C-alpha atoms as a PDB file:
ATOM      1  CA  MET A   1      63.453  51.131 -70.053  1.00  0.00           C
ATOM      2  CA  ALA A   2      66.717  49.258 -70.251  1.00  0.00           C
ATOM      3  CA  ARG A   3      66.989  46.610 -72.961  1.00  0.00           C
ATOM      4  CA  GLY A   4      69.319  43.627 -73.054  1.00  0.00           C
ATOM      5  CA  THR A   5      69.641  43.339 -69.325  1.00  0.00           C
ATOM      6  CA  GLY A   6      66.318  41.541 -68.709  1.00  0.00           C
ATOM      7  CA  THR A   7      65.202  44.133 -66.170  1.00  0.00           C
ATOM      8  CA  VAL A   8      62.317  46.531 -66.210  1.00  0.00           C
ATOM      9  CA  ASP A   9      62.380  49.859 -64.454  1.00  0.00           C
ATOM     10  CA  ALA A  10      59.448  50.289 -62.105  1.00  0.00           C
ATOM     11  CA  VAL A  11      57.221  53.223 -62.993  1.00  0.00           C
ATOM     12  CA  PRO A  12      55.359  54.784 -60.068  1.00  0.00           C
ATOM     13  CA  ARG A  13      51.576  54.781 -60.197  1.00  0.00           C
ATOM     14  CA  PRO A  14      49.607  58.014 -59.812  1.00  0.00           C
ATOM     15  CA  GLY A  15      48.489  56.966 -56.360  1.00  0.00           C
ATOM     16  CA  GLY A  16      52.011  56.143 -55.229  1.00  0.00           C
ATOM     17  CA  GLY A  17      53.752  52.797 -54.788  1.00  0.00           C
ATOM     18  CA  LEU A  18      55.093  50.381 -57.338  1.00  0.00           C
ATOM     19  CA  PRO A  19      52.892  48.275 -59.633  1.00  0.00           C
ATOM     20  CA  GLY A  20      52.720  44.558 -59.128  1.00  0.00           C
ATOM     21  CA  ARG A  21      54.212  44.505 -55.667  1.00  0.00           C
ATOM     22  CA  GLY A  22      52.560  42.739 -52.740  1.00  0.00           C
ATOM     23  CA  ALA A  23      53.287  42.691 -49.046  1.00  0.00           C
ATOM     24  CA  GLY A  24      56.968  42.814 -48.205  1.00  0.00           C
ATOM     25  CA  GLY A  25      57.890  44.036 -51.716  1.00  0.00           C
ATOM     26  CA  THR A  26      57.173  40.694 -53.432  1.00  0.00           C
ATOM     27  CA  VAL A  27      56.401  41.074 -57.124  1.00  0.00           C
ATOM     28  CA  VAL A  28      52.911  39.895 -58.024  1.00  0.00           C
ATOM     29  CA  GLY A  29      52.326  39.234 -61.697  1.00  0.00           C
ATOM     30  CA  ALA A  30      49.050  39.377 -63.572  1.00  0.00           C
ATOM     31  CA  GLY A  31      46.750  36.478 -62.626  1.00  0.00           C
ATOM     32  CA  GLN A  32      48.817  35.544 -59.581  1.00  0.00           C
ATOM     33  CA  ARG A  33      47.385  35.287 -56.067  1.00  0.00           C
ATOM     34  CA  PRO A  34      48.540  37.635 -53.296  1.00  0.00           C
ATOM     35  CA  PRO A  35      51.301  36.197 -51.068  1.00  0.00           C
ATOM     36  CA  GLN A  36      49.043  36.097 -47.988  1.00  0.00           C
ATOM     37  CA  GLN A  37      46.493  33.948 -49.834  1.00  0.00           C
ATOM     38  CA  LEU A  38      49.275  31.685 -51.078  1.00  0.00           C
ATOM     39  CA  ARG A  39      50.593  31.294 -47.552  1.00  0.00           C
ATOM     40  CA  ASN A  40      47.107  30.475 -46.248  1.00  0.00           C
ATOM     41  CA  ASN A  41      46.571  27.838 -48.941  1.00  0.00           C
ATOM     42  CA  GLU A  42      49.999  26.372 -48.311  1.00  0.00           C
ATOM     43  CA  THR A  43      49.354  26.287 -44.563  1.00  0.00           C
ATOM     44  CA  TRP A  44      46.062  24.475 -45.143  1.00  0.00           C
ATOM     45  CA  ARG A  45      47.700  21.897 -47.421  1.00  0.00           C
ATOM     46  CA  VAL A  46      50.533  21.312 -44.970  1.00  0.00           C
ATOM     47  CA  SER A  47      48.121  20.957 -42.069  1.00  0.00           C
ATOM     48  CA  LEU A  48      45.916  18.547 -44.015  1.00  0.00           C
ATOM     49  CA  ARG A  49      48.918  16.469 -45.088  1.00  0.00           C
ATOM     50  CA  ARG A  50      50.404  16.426 -41.610  1.00  0.00           C
ATOM     51  CA  HIS A  51      47.228  15.860 -39.571  1.00  0.00           C
ATOM     52  CA  TRP A  52      45.088  13.881 -42.019  1.00  0.00           C
ATOM     53  CA  ARG A  53      44.367  11.257 -39.348  1.00  0.00           C
ATOM     54  CA  LEU A  54      42.669  13.892 -37.195  1.00  0.00           C
ATOM     55  CA  TYR A  55      40.650  15.212 -40.127  1.00  0.00           C
ATOM     56  CA  THR A  56      39.245  11.750 -40.772  1.00  0.00           C
ATOM     57  CA  PHE A  57      37.247  12.127 -37.554  1.00  0.00           C
ATOM     58  CA  VAL A  58      35.244  14.876 -39.284  1.00  0.00           C
ATOM     59  CA  VAL A  59      34.116  12.565 -42.090  1.00  0.00           C
ATOM     60  CA  LEU A  60      31.410  10.711 -40.150  1.00  0.00           C
ATOM     61  CA  PRO A  61      29.777  13.837 -38.633  1.00  0.00           C
ATOM     62  CA  VAL A  62      29.729  15.506 -42.062  1.00  0.00           C
ATOM     63  CA  VAL A  63      28.198  12.416 -43.667  1.00  0.00           C
ATOM     64  CA  PHE A  64      25.656  12.223 -40.836  1.00  0.00           C
ATOM     65  CA  LEU A  65      24.631  15.860 -41.363  1.00  0.00           C
ATOM     66  CA  LEU A  66      24.329  15.383 -45.116  1.00  0.00           C
ATOM     67  CA  VAL A  67      22.311  12.169 -44.945  1.00  0.00           C
ATOM     68  CA  PHE A  68      20.029  12.912 -41.997  1.00  0.00           C
ATOM     69  CA  ARG A  69      19.799  16.729 -42.029  1.00  0.00           C
ATOM     70  CA  TYR A  70      20.264  18.150 -45.514  1.00  0.00           C
ATOM     71  CA  VAL A  71      19.133  15.413 -47.907  1.00  0.00           C
ATOM     72  CA  PRO A  72      15.723  15.049 -46.147  1.00  0.00           C
ATOM     73  CA  MET A  73      15.083  18.732 -46.900  1.00  0.00           C
ATOM     74  CA  ILE A  74      14.352  17.673 -50.468  1.00  0.00           C
ATOM     75  CA  GLY A  75      11.255  15.920 -49.138  1.00  0.00           C
ATOM     76  CA  ASN A  76       9.707  19.311 -48.321  1.00  0.00           C
ATOM     77  CA  VAL A  77       8.642  19.478 -51.951  1.00  0.00           C
ATOM     78  CA  ILE A  78       5.662  17.222 -51.169  1.00  0.00           C
ATOM     79  CA  ALA A  79       4.214  20.134 -49.179  1.00  0.00           C
ATOM     80  CA  PHE A  80       3.452  21.614 -52.625  1.00  0.00           C
ATOM     81  CA  ARG A  81       2.640  18.352 -54.403  1.00  0.00           C
ATOM     82  CA  ARG A  82       0.021  15.692 -53.783  1.00  0.00           C
ATOM     83  CA  TYR A  83       1.764  12.596 -52.465  1.00  0.00           C
ATOM     84  CA  ARG A  84       0.179   9.177 -52.682  1.00  0.00           C
ATOM     85  CA  PRO A  85       1.758   6.091 -51.114  1.00  0.00           C
ATOM     86  CA  GLY A  86       3.214   3.921 -53.845  1.00  0.00           C
ATOM     87  CA  GLY A  87       3.607   6.835 -56.247  1.00  0.00           C
ATOM     88  CA  SER A  88       6.521   9.144 -56.887  1.00  0.00           C
ATOM     89  CA  MET A  89       8.521  10.047 -53.813  1.00  0.00           C
ATOM     90  CA  PHE A  90       8.290  13.698 -54.867  1.00  0.00           C
ATOM     91  CA  GLY A  91       4.536  13.673 -55.347  1.00  0.00           C
ATOM     92  CA  ASP A  92       2.292  13.000 -58.322  1.00  0.00           C
ATOM     93  CA  GLU A  93       0.894  16.454 -59.118  1.00  0.00           C
ATOM     94  CA  TRP A  94       1.541  20.071 -58.267  1.00  0.00           C
ATOM     95  CA  VAL A  95      -1.058  21.607 -55.916  1.00  0.00           C
ATOM     96  CA  GLY A  96       0.747  24.790 -54.876  1.00  0.00           C
ATOM     97  CA  LEU A  97      -0.369  26.243 -51.544  1.00  0.00           C
ATOM     98  CA  TYR A  98      -3.409  23.985 -51.225  1.00  0.00           C
ATOM     99  CA  TYR A  99      -2.190  22.213 -48.078  1.00  0.00           C
ATOM    100  CA  PHE A 100      -1.108  25.486 -46.464  1.00  0.00           C
ATOM    101  CA  GLN A 101      -4.570  26.938 -47.015  1.00  0.00           C
ATOM    102  CA  MET A 102      -5.999  23.672 -45.707  1.00  0.00           C
ATOM    103  CA  PHE A 103      -4.284  23.807 -42.306  1.00  0.00           C
ATOM    104  CA  ILE A 104      -4.675  27.579 -41.943  1.00  0.00           C
ATOM    105  CA  GLY A 105      -8.437  27.099 -42.192  1.00  0.00           C
ATOM    106  CA  SER A 106      -8.427  24.090 -39.858  1.00  0.00           C
ATOM    107  CA  LYS A 107      -9.568  24.619 -36.255  1.00  0.00           C
ATOM    108  CA  PRO A 108      -7.681  21.569 -34.862  1.00  0.00           C
ATOM    109  CA  PHE A 109      -4.447  23.004 -36.256  1.00  0.00           C
ATOM    110  CA  TRP A 110      -4.855  26.308 -34.399  1.00  0.00           C
ATOM    111  CA  ASP A 111      -5.759  24.470 -31.206  1.00  0.00           C
ATOM    112  CA  VAL A 112      -2.492  22.498 -31.277  1.00  0.00           C
ATOM    113  CA  PHE A 113      -0.601  25.588 -32.458  1.00  0.00           C
ATOM    114  CA  TRP A 114      -1.603  27.585 -29.381  1.00  0.00           C
ATOM    115  CA  ASN A 115      -0.964  24.561 -27.166  1.00  0.00           C
ATOM    116  CA  THR A 116       2.547  24.502 -28.604  1.00  0.00           C
ATOM    117  CA  VAL A 117       3.058  28.230 -28.033  1.00  0.00           C
ATOM    118  CA  ILE A 118       1.844  28.029 -24.425  1.00  0.00           C
ATOM    119  CA  LEU A 119       3.836  24.903 -23.552  1.00  0.00           C
ATOM    120  CA  GLY A 120       6.934  26.185 -25.333  1.00  0.00           C
ATOM    121  CA  GLY A 121       6.647  29.579 -23.649  1.00  0.00           C
ATOM    122  CA  LEU A 122       6.284  28.041 -20.199  1.00  0.00           C
ATOM    123  CA  THR A 123       9.233  25.726 -20.842  1.00  0.00           C
ATOM    124  CA  LEU A 124      11.393  28.664 -21.970  1.00  0.00           C
ATOM    125  CA  ALA A 125      10.326  30.898 -19.088  1.00  0.00           C
ATOM    126  CA  ILE A 126      10.930  28.232 -16.420  1.00  0.00           C
ATOM    127  CA  CYS A 127      13.643  25.905 -17.732  1.00  0.00           C
ATOM    128  CA  PHE A 128      15.937  28.622 -19.117  1.00  0.00           C
ATOM    129  CA  PRO A 129      16.628  30.717 -15.959  1.00  0.00           C
ATOM    130  CA  LEU A 130      16.742  27.798 -13.503  1.00  0.00           C
ATOM    131  CA  PRO A 131      20.134  26.430 -14.721  1.00  0.00           C
ATOM    132  CA  ILE A 132      21.583  29.934 -14.345  1.00  0.00           C
ATOM    133  CA  ILE A 133      20.300  30.183 -10.785  1.00  0.00           C
ATOM    134  CA  LEU A 134      21.589  26.703  -9.927  1.00  0.00           C
ATOM    135  CA  ALA A 135      25.000  27.474 -11.453  1.00  0.00           C
ATOM    136  CA  LEU A 136      25.273  30.666  -9.400  1.00  0.00           C
ATOM    137  CA  MET A 137      24.342  28.768  -6.244  1.00  0.00           C
ATOM    138  CA  LEU A 138      26.899  26.041  -6.964  1.00  0.00           C
ATOM    139  CA  ASN A 139      29.518  28.689  -7.648  1.00  0.00           C
ATOM    140  CA  GLU A 140      29.009  30.065  -4.137  1.00  0.00           C
ATOM    141  CA  LEU A 141      29.630  26.714  -2.443  1.00  0.00           C
ATOM    142  CA  ARG A 142      32.954  26.470  -0.654  1.00  0.00           C
ATOM    143  CA  SER A 143      32.859  22.725   0.014  1.00  0.00           C
ATOM    144  CA  ARG A 144      34.107  20.960  -3.131  1.00  0.00           C
ATOM    145  CA  HIS A 145      32.857  17.592  -1.920  1.00  0.00           C
ATOM    146  CA  PHE A 146      29.318  18.850  -1.358  1.00  0.00           C
ATOM    147  CA  LYS A 147      29.426  20.703  -4.690  1.00  0.00           C
ATOM    148  CA  ARG A 148      30.347  17.493  -6.543  1.00  0.00           C
ATOM    149  CA  VAL A 149      27.575  15.583  -4.795  1.00  0.00           C
ATOM    150  CA  VAL A 150      24.996  18.197  -5.789  1.00  0.00           C
ATOM    151  CA  GLN A 151      26.240  18.257  -9.367  1.00  0.00           C
ATOM    152  CA  THR A 152      26.091  14.466  -9.638  1.00  0.00           C
ATOM    153  CA  VAL A 153      22.581  14.297  -8.213  1.00  0.00           C
ATOM    154  CA  THR A 154      21.298  17.008 -10.552  1.00  0.00           C
ATOM    155  CA  TYR A 155      23.061  15.586 -13.642  1.00  0.00           C
ATOM    156  CA  LEU A 156      21.787  12.018 -13.314  1.00  0.00           C
ATOM    157  CA  PRO A 157      18.199  12.558 -14.550  1.00  0.00           C
ATOM    158  CA  HIS A 158      19.551  13.805 -17.885  1.00  0.00           C
ATOM    159  CA  PHE A 159      21.010  10.382 -18.651  1.00  0.00           C
ATOM    160  CA  MET A 160      17.733   8.575 -18.066  1.00  0.00           C
ATOM    161  CA  SER A 161      15.708   7.492 -21.057  1.00  0.00           C
ATOM    162  CA  ILE A 162      12.545   9.495 -21.673  1.00  0.00           C
ATOM    163  CA  VAL A 163      10.635   6.206 -21.519  1.00  0.00           C
ATOM    164  CA  ILE A 164      11.923   5.643 -17.980  1.00  0.00           C
ATOM    165  CA  VAL A 165      11.059   9.220 -17.001  1.00  0.00           C
ATOM    166  CA  ALA A 166       7.531   8.807 -18.397  1.00  0.00           C
ATOM    167  CA  GLY A 167       7.143   5.533 -16.493  1.00  0.00           C
ATOM    168  CA  MET A 168       8.222   7.222 -13.267  1.00  0.00           C
ATOM    169  CA  VAL A 169       5.719  10.036 -13.877  1.00  0.00           C
ATOM    170  CA  PHE A 170       2.911   7.518 -14.368  1.00  0.00           C
ATOM    171  CA  GLN A 171       3.881   5.693 -11.186  1.00  0.00           C
ATOM    172  CA  LEU A 172       3.993   8.889  -9.137  1.00  0.00           C
ATOM    173  CA  THR A 173       0.721  10.317 -10.462  1.00  0.00           C
ATOM    174  CA  ALA A 174      -1.343   7.106 -10.584  1.00  0.00           C
ATOM    175  CA  ILE A 175      -4.487   6.776  -8.478  1.00  0.00           C
ATOM    176  CA  ASN A 176      -2.547   4.568  -6.067  1.00  0.00           C
ATOM    177  CA  GLY A 177       0.724   6.397  -6.683  1.00  0.00           C
ATOM    178  CA  THR A 178       2.981   8.173  -4.231  1.00  0.00           C
ATOM    179  CA  ILE A 179       1.479  11.635  -4.683  1.00  0.00           C
ATOM    180  CA  ASN A 180      -2.094  10.425  -4.138  1.00  0.00           C
ATOM    181  CA  GLN A 181      -1.020   8.406  -1.115  1.00  0.00           C
ATOM    182  CA  ILE A 182       0.391  11.590   0.410  1.00  0.00           C
ATOM    183  CA  ILE A 183      -2.817  13.474  -0.424  1.00  0.00           C
ATOM    184  CA  GLU A 184      -4.956  10.781   1.156  1.00  0.00           C
ATOM    185  CA  ALA A 185      -2.713  10.695   4.231  1.00  0.00           C
ATOM    186  CA  PHE A 186      -3.621  14.356   4.833  1.00  0.00           C
ATOM    187  CA  GLY A 187      -7.327  13.617   4.419  1.00  0.00           C
ATOM    188  CA  GLY A 188      -7.722  14.539   0.748  1.00  0.00           C
ATOM    189  CA  GLU A 189      -9.144  12.617  -2.187  1.00  0.00           C
ATOM    190  CA  ALA A 190      -7.103  10.917  -4.884  1.00  0.00           C
ATOM    191  CA  VAL A 191      -6.738  12.947  -8.086  1.00  0.00           C
ATOM    192  CA  PRO A 192      -6.564  11.258 -11.546  1.00  0.00           C
ATOM    193  CA  PHE A 193      -3.737  13.512 -12.717  1.00  0.00           C
ATOM    194  CA  MET A 194      -3.068  11.843 -16.064  1.00  0.00           C
ATOM    195  CA  GLN A 195      -6.760  11.869 -17.024  1.00  0.00           C
ATOM    196  CA  ARG A 196      -7.235  15.596 -16.421  1.00  0.00           C
ATOM    197  CA  ALA A 197      -6.168  18.051 -19.111  1.00  0.00           C
ATOM    198  CA  ASP A 198      -5.673  20.900 -16.634  1.00  0.00           C
ATOM    199  CA  TRP A 199      -2.868  18.982 -14.877  1.00  0.00           C
ATOM    200  CA  PHE A 200      -0.845  18.012 -17.953  1.00  0.00           C
ATOM    201  CA  ARG A 201       1.228  21.178 -18.315  1.00  0.00           C
ATOM    202  CA  THR A 202       2.172  21.161 -14.635  1.00  0.00           C
ATOM    203  CA  ILE A 203       3.244  17.508 -14.816  1.00  0.00           C
ATOM    204  CA  TYR A 204       5.174  18.016 -18.061  1.00  0.00           C
ATOM    205  CA  LEU A 205       7.036  21.099 -16.819  1.00  0.00           C
ATOM    206  CA  SER A 206       7.875  19.464 -13.482  1.00  0.00           C
ATOM    207  CA  SER A 207       9.406  16.445 -15.198  1.00  0.00           C
ATOM    208  CA  GLU A 208      11.246  18.695 -17.675  1.00  0.00           C
ATOM    209  CA  VAL A 209      12.775  20.774 -14.878  1.00  0.00           C
ATOM    210  CA  TRP A 210      13.844  17.669 -12.973  1.00  0.00           C
ATOM    211  CA  GLN A 211      15.446  16.137 -16.058  1.00  0.00           C
ATOM    212  CA  THR A 212      17.187  19.106 -17.704  1.00  0.00           C
ATOM    213  CA  VAL A 213      18.079  21.793 -15.168  1.00  0.00           C
ATOM    214  CA  GLY A 214      21.129  20.048 -13.702  1.00  0.00           C
ATOM    215  CA  TRP A 215      22.607  19.291 -17.105  1.00  0.00           C
ATOM    216  CA  GLY A 216      22.027  22.879 -18.239  1.00  0.00           C
ATOM    217  CA  THR A 217      24.382  24.219 -15.557  1.00  0.00           C
ATOM    218  CA  ILE A 218      27.484  22.702 -17.189  1.00  0.00           C
ATOM    219  CA  LEU A 219      28.018  25.498 -19.729  1.00  0.00           C
ATOM    220  CA  TYR A 220      27.342  28.199 -17.159  1.00  0.00           C
ATOM    221  CA  LEU A 221      29.786  26.699 -14.660  1.00  0.00           C
ATOM    222  CA  ALA A 222      32.392  26.560 -17.436  1.00  0.00           C
ATOM    223  CA  ALA A 223      31.704  30.210 -18.283  1.00  0.00           C
ATOM    224  CA  LEU A 224      32.072  31.180 -14.613  1.00  0.00           C
ATOM    225  CA  THR A 225      35.630  29.822 -14.560  1.00  0.00           C
ATOM    226  CA  THR A 226      36.673  32.362 -17.240  1.00  0.00           C
ATOM    227  CA  ILE A 227      35.862  35.385 -15.056  1.00  0.00           C
ATOM    228  CA  ASP A 228      38.997  37.061 -13.710  1.00  0.00           C
ATOM    229  CA  ASP A 229      39.339  36.682  -9.925  1.00  0.00           C
ATOM    230  CA  GLN A 230      40.971  40.100  -9.730  1.00  0.00           C
ATOM    231  CA  LEU A 231      37.598  41.659 -10.501  1.00  0.00           C
ATOM    232  CA  TYR A 232      36.145  40.101  -7.354  1.00  0.00           C
ATOM    233  CA  GLU A 233      39.150  41.214  -5.298  1.00  0.00           C
ATOM    234  CA  ALA A 234      38.821  44.782  -6.541  1.00  0.00           C
ATOM    235  CA  SER A 235      35.091  44.807  -5.800  1.00  0.00           C
ATOM    236  CA  ARG A 236      35.679  43.535  -2.251  1.00  0.00           C
ATOM    237  CA  ILE A 237      38.188  46.318  -1.679  1.00  0.00           C
ATOM    238  CA  ASP A 238      35.534  48.786  -2.844  1.00  0.00           C
ATOM    239  CA  GLY A 239      33.100  47.315  -0.313  1.00  0.00           C
ATOM    240  CA  ALA A 240      30.815  45.308  -2.660  1.00  0.00           C
ATOM    241  CA  ASN A 241      28.872  42.467  -1.056  1.00  0.00           C
ATOM    242  CA  ARG A 242      28.140  39.090  -2.670  1.00  0.00           C
ATOM    243  CA  TRP A 243      24.886  40.236  -4.262  1.00  0.00           C
ATOM    244  CA  GLN A 244      26.574  43.257  -5.823  1.00  0.00           C
ATOM    245  CA  GLN A 245      29.454  41.108  -7.082  1.00  0.00           C
ATOM    246  CA  THR A 246      26.987  38.676  -8.647  1.00  0.00           C
ATOM    247  CA  TRP A 247      24.996  41.454 -10.308  1.00  0.00           C
ATOM    248  CA  HIS A 248      27.908  43.560 -11.583  1.00  0.00           C
ATOM    249  CA  ILE A 249      30.594  40.925 -12.260  1.00  0.00           C
ATOM    250  CA  THR A 250      29.243  37.373 -12.449  1.00  0.00           C
ATOM    251  CA  LEU A 251      26.150  37.949 -14.574  1.00  0.00           C
ATOM    252  CA  PRO A 252      27.904  40.261 -17.092  1.00  0.00           C
ATOM    253  CA  GLY A 253      30.716  37.687 -17.287  1.00  0.00           C
ATOM    254  CA  ILE A 254      28.398  34.884 -18.386  1.00  0.00           C
ATOM    255  CA  ARG A 255      26.053  37.100 -20.420  1.00  0.00           C
ATOM    256  CA  PRO A 256      27.444  36.029 -23.846  1.00  0.00           C
ATOM    257  CA  THR A 257      26.842  32.374 -22.941  1.00  0.00           C
ATOM    258  CA  MET A 258      23.370  33.198 -21.673  1.00  0.00           C
ATOM    259  CA  MET A 259      22.434  35.012 -24.876  1.00  0.00           C
ATOM    260  CA  VAL A 260      23.724  32.288 -27.188  1.00  0.00           C
ATOM    261  CA  LEU A 261      21.794  29.614 -25.291  1.00  0.00           C
ATOM    262  CA  LEU A 262      18.712  31.829 -25.202  1.00  0.00           C
ATOM    263  CA  ILE A 263      18.836  32.217 -28.986  1.00  0.00           C
ATOM    264  CA  LEU A 264      19.147  28.460 -29.429  1.00  0.00           C
ATOM    265  CA  ASN A 265      16.249  27.849 -27.037  1.00  0.00           C
ATOM    266  CA  ILE A 266      14.104  30.375 -28.883  1.00  0.00           C
ATOM    267  CA  GLY A 267      14.918  28.589 -32.137  1.00  0.00           C
ATOM    268  CA  SER A 268      13.534  25.345 -30.737  1.00  0.00           C
ATOM    269  CA  PHE A 269      10.583  27.167 -29.177  1.00  0.00           C
ATOM    270  CA  MET A 270       8.028  25.449 -31.424  1.00  0.00           C
ATOM    271  CA  ALA A 271       9.662  22.017 -31.215  1.00  0.00           C
ATOM    272  CA  VAL A 272       8.367  21.132 -27.758  1.00  0.00           C
ATOM    273  CA  GLY A 273       9.567  17.694 -26.613  1.00  0.00           C
ATOM    274  CA  PHE A 274       7.808  15.294 -28.969  1.00  0.00           C
ATOM    275  CA  GLU A 275       8.846  12.058 -27.283  1.00  0.00           C
ATOM    276  CA  LYS A 276       7.798  13.019 -23.763  1.00  0.00           C
ATOM    277  CA  VAL A 277       4.466  14.506 -24.843  1.00  0.00           C
ATOM    278  CA  LEU A 278       3.741  11.430 -26.979  1.00  0.00           C
ATOM    279  CA  LEU A 279       4.429   9.128 -24.026  1.00  0.00           C
ATOM    280  CA  LEU A 280       2.477  11.140 -21.466  1.00  0.00           C
ATOM    281  CA  TYR A 281      -0.616  12.350 -23.266  1.00  0.00           C
ATOM    282  CA  ASN A 282      -3.862  10.537 -24.110  1.00  0.00           C
ATOM    283  CA  PRO A 283      -7.188  11.502 -25.767  1.00  0.00           C
ATOM    284  CA  LEU A 284      -8.475  12.862 -22.458  1.00  0.00           C
ATOM    285  CA  THR A 285      -5.658  15.433 -22.287  1.00  0.00           C
ATOM    286  CA  TYR A 286      -5.565  16.485 -25.962  1.00  0.00           C
ATOM    287  CA  ASP A 287      -7.045  19.885 -25.100  1.00  0.00           C
ATOM    288  CA  THR A 288      -3.821  21.027 -23.420  1.00  0.00           C
ATOM    289  CA  ALA A 289      -1.298  18.312 -24.322  1.00  0.00           C
ATOM    290  CA  ASP A 290      -1.557  17.981 -28.105  1.00  0.00           C
ATOM    291  CA  VAL A 291       1.261  19.971 -29.762  1.00  0.00           C
ATOM    292  CA  LEU A 292       2.354  20.421 -33.358  1.00  0.00           C
ATOM    293  CA  SER A 293       4.845  17.551 -33.367  1.00  0.00           C
ATOM    294  CA  THR A 294       2.354  15.012 -31.977  1.00  0.00           C
ATOM    295  CA  TYR A 295      -0.385  16.343 -34.262  1.00  0.00           C
ATOM    296  CA  LEU A 296       1.928  15.882 -37.255  1.00  0.00           C
ATOM    297  CA  TYR A 297       2.690  12.346 -36.132  1.00  0.00           C
ATOM    298  CA  ARG A 298      -0.993  11.424 -35.920  1.00  0.00           C
ATOM    299  CA  VAL A 299      -2.014  13.135 -39.147  1.00  0.00           C
ATOM    300  CA  GLY A 300       0.994  12.157 -41.245  1.00  0.00           C
ATOM    301  CA  ILE A 301       1.942   8.693 -39.974  1.00  0.00           C
ATOM    302  CA  GLY A 302      -0.616   7.506 -37.453  1.00  0.00           C
ATOM    303  CA  GLU A 303      -4.308   7.879 -38.138  1.00  0.00           C
ATOM    304  CA  GLY A 304      -4.520  10.004 -41.288  1.00  0.00           C
ATOM    305  CA  GLY A 305      -1.589   9.042 -43.490  1.00  0.00           C
ATOM    306  CA  ASN A 306      -1.725  12.495 -45.121  1.00  0.00           C
ATOM    307  CA  TYR A 307       1.969  13.039 -45.780  1.00  0.00           C
ATOM    308  CA  SER A 308       1.647  16.205 -47.861  1.00  0.00           C
ATOM    309  CA  PHE A 309      -0.538  17.902 -45.251  1.00  0.00           C
ATOM    310  CA  ALA A 310       1.933  16.993 -42.495  1.00  0.00           C
ATOM    311  CA  ALA A 311       4.880  18.189 -44.603  1.00  0.00           C
ATOM    312  CA  ALA A 312       3.200  21.568 -45.102  1.00  0.00           C
ATOM    313  CA  ILE A 313       2.677  21.985 -41.347  1.00  0.00           C
ATOM    314  CA  GLY A 314       6.249  20.884 -40.644  1.00  0.00           C
ATOM    315  CA  LEU A 315       7.619  23.393 -43.159  1.00  0.00           C
ATOM    316  CA  PHE A 316       5.482  26.118 -41.580  1.00  0.00           C
ATOM    317  CA  GLU A 317       6.880  25.215 -38.152  1.00  0.00           C
ATOM    318  CA  ALA A 318      10.455  25.262 -39.479  1.00  0.00           C
ATOM    319  CA  LEU A 319       9.975  28.714 -41.027  1.00  0.00           C
ATOM    320  CA  ILE A 320       8.704  30.045 -37.700  1.00  0.00           C
ATOM    321  CA  GLY A 321      11.792  28.596 -35.979  1.00  0.00           C
ATOM    322  CA  VAL A 322      14.139  30.254 -38.503  1.00  0.00           C
ATOM    323  CA  ALA A 323      12.352  33.585 -38.128  1.00  0.00           C
ATOM    324  CA  LEU A 324      12.596  33.386 -34.331  1.00  0.00           C
ATOM    325  CA  VAL A 325      16.333  32.577 -34.427  1.00  0.00           C
ATOM    326  CA  VAL A 326      17.139  35.413 -36.842  1.00  0.00           C
ATOM    327  CA  THR A 327      15.048  37.917 -34.881  1.00  0.00           C
ATOM    328  CA  ALA A 328      16.504  36.886 -31.515  1.00  0.00           C
ATOM    329  CA  ASN A 329      20.023  36.987 -32.948  1.00  0.00           C
ATOM    330  CA  GLN A 330      19.598  40.531 -34.285  1.00  0.00           C
ATOM    331  CA  ILE A 331      18.046  41.775 -31.038  1.00  0.00           C
ATOM    332  CA  SER A 332      20.858  40.199 -29.003  1.00  0.00           C
ATOM    333  CA  LYS A 333      23.534  41.656 -31.299  1.00  0.00           C
ATOM    334  CA  ARG A 334      22.151  45.180 -30.966  1.00  0.00           C
ATOM    335  CA  ALA A 335      21.270  44.981 -27.269  1.00  0.00           C
ATOM    336  CA  VAL A 336      24.259  43.230 -25.676  1.00  0.00           C
ATOM    337  CA  GLY A 337      26.694  42.611 -28.561  1.00  0.00           C
ATOM    338  CA  ALA A 338      26.534  38.806 -28.271  1.00  0.00           C
ATOM    339  CA  SER A 339      25.138  36.711 -31.134  1.00  0.00           C
ATOM    340  CA  LEU A 340      25.511  33.472 -33.071  1.00  0.00           C
ATOM    341  CA  TRP A 341      26.754  35.230 -36.211  1.00  0.00           C
END
């Protein structure tokens, strides 16, 4: 060690290299951050200082998520406490799993639970693949004008209010509606569709397909544009027809998008469209139409006013949704390598 010169000779470590040196030979003292981390922090500060106007656009979405998504989660505590209107907003007394045991032993709950599973399963099985099929069909069109017309016609129902859609369904399925007029024109008898429980699922799924399938093709059409055209050219040289190109090039090309959307749809499996079911169903169709969300509405806000009981069912539904998302994500990651995280 040399004294008086203010320098310190570097002593090699047993494992090789010099102590206290970072990337590029920069000396890193005790308690100091590595140069890469310093550069990242400096880049973040510079970007924030330079583009602060753009970052202000993030403020409102973050506030919205905090106020309407995360803060209400605190209210789940009343699933374990007895809540009385006019009392504490977090319940008056601790009851533990009383409300969970209450709905598990309730027959009406299991009736609406299986209605939800059946309606959600049918919606997933029908409404998920149809946008893929429509996107593939639109991708095969050579006329851009006709393609734009088809896209516009199929997109429009998505922008209609659910109230308008429900009104149209009632008009079409009424005793004197269009469908019954066609039936009577062929010599049949008018059918009271909206008063028969066995027709509700067919009517709901038909309206859901009409309203959502066109809009669902947007992401798939965007994913189709990322597929390299040279793959199609090479397959044509090898003698592949259009079906073989679709099966071996197009579908694998959009598979990551398909899997991500499938995971998201599975996550909302139990949350079958509350608004549309609420507008379309009636006491005569409860046997097949009543789902968890409408049951919660009636029990918690409408007829019963039992907020703690409804909160327990809602928490149970949310836990099922989380479990489905995690399971689907892990299966997708291991099977095809595409996942949300």
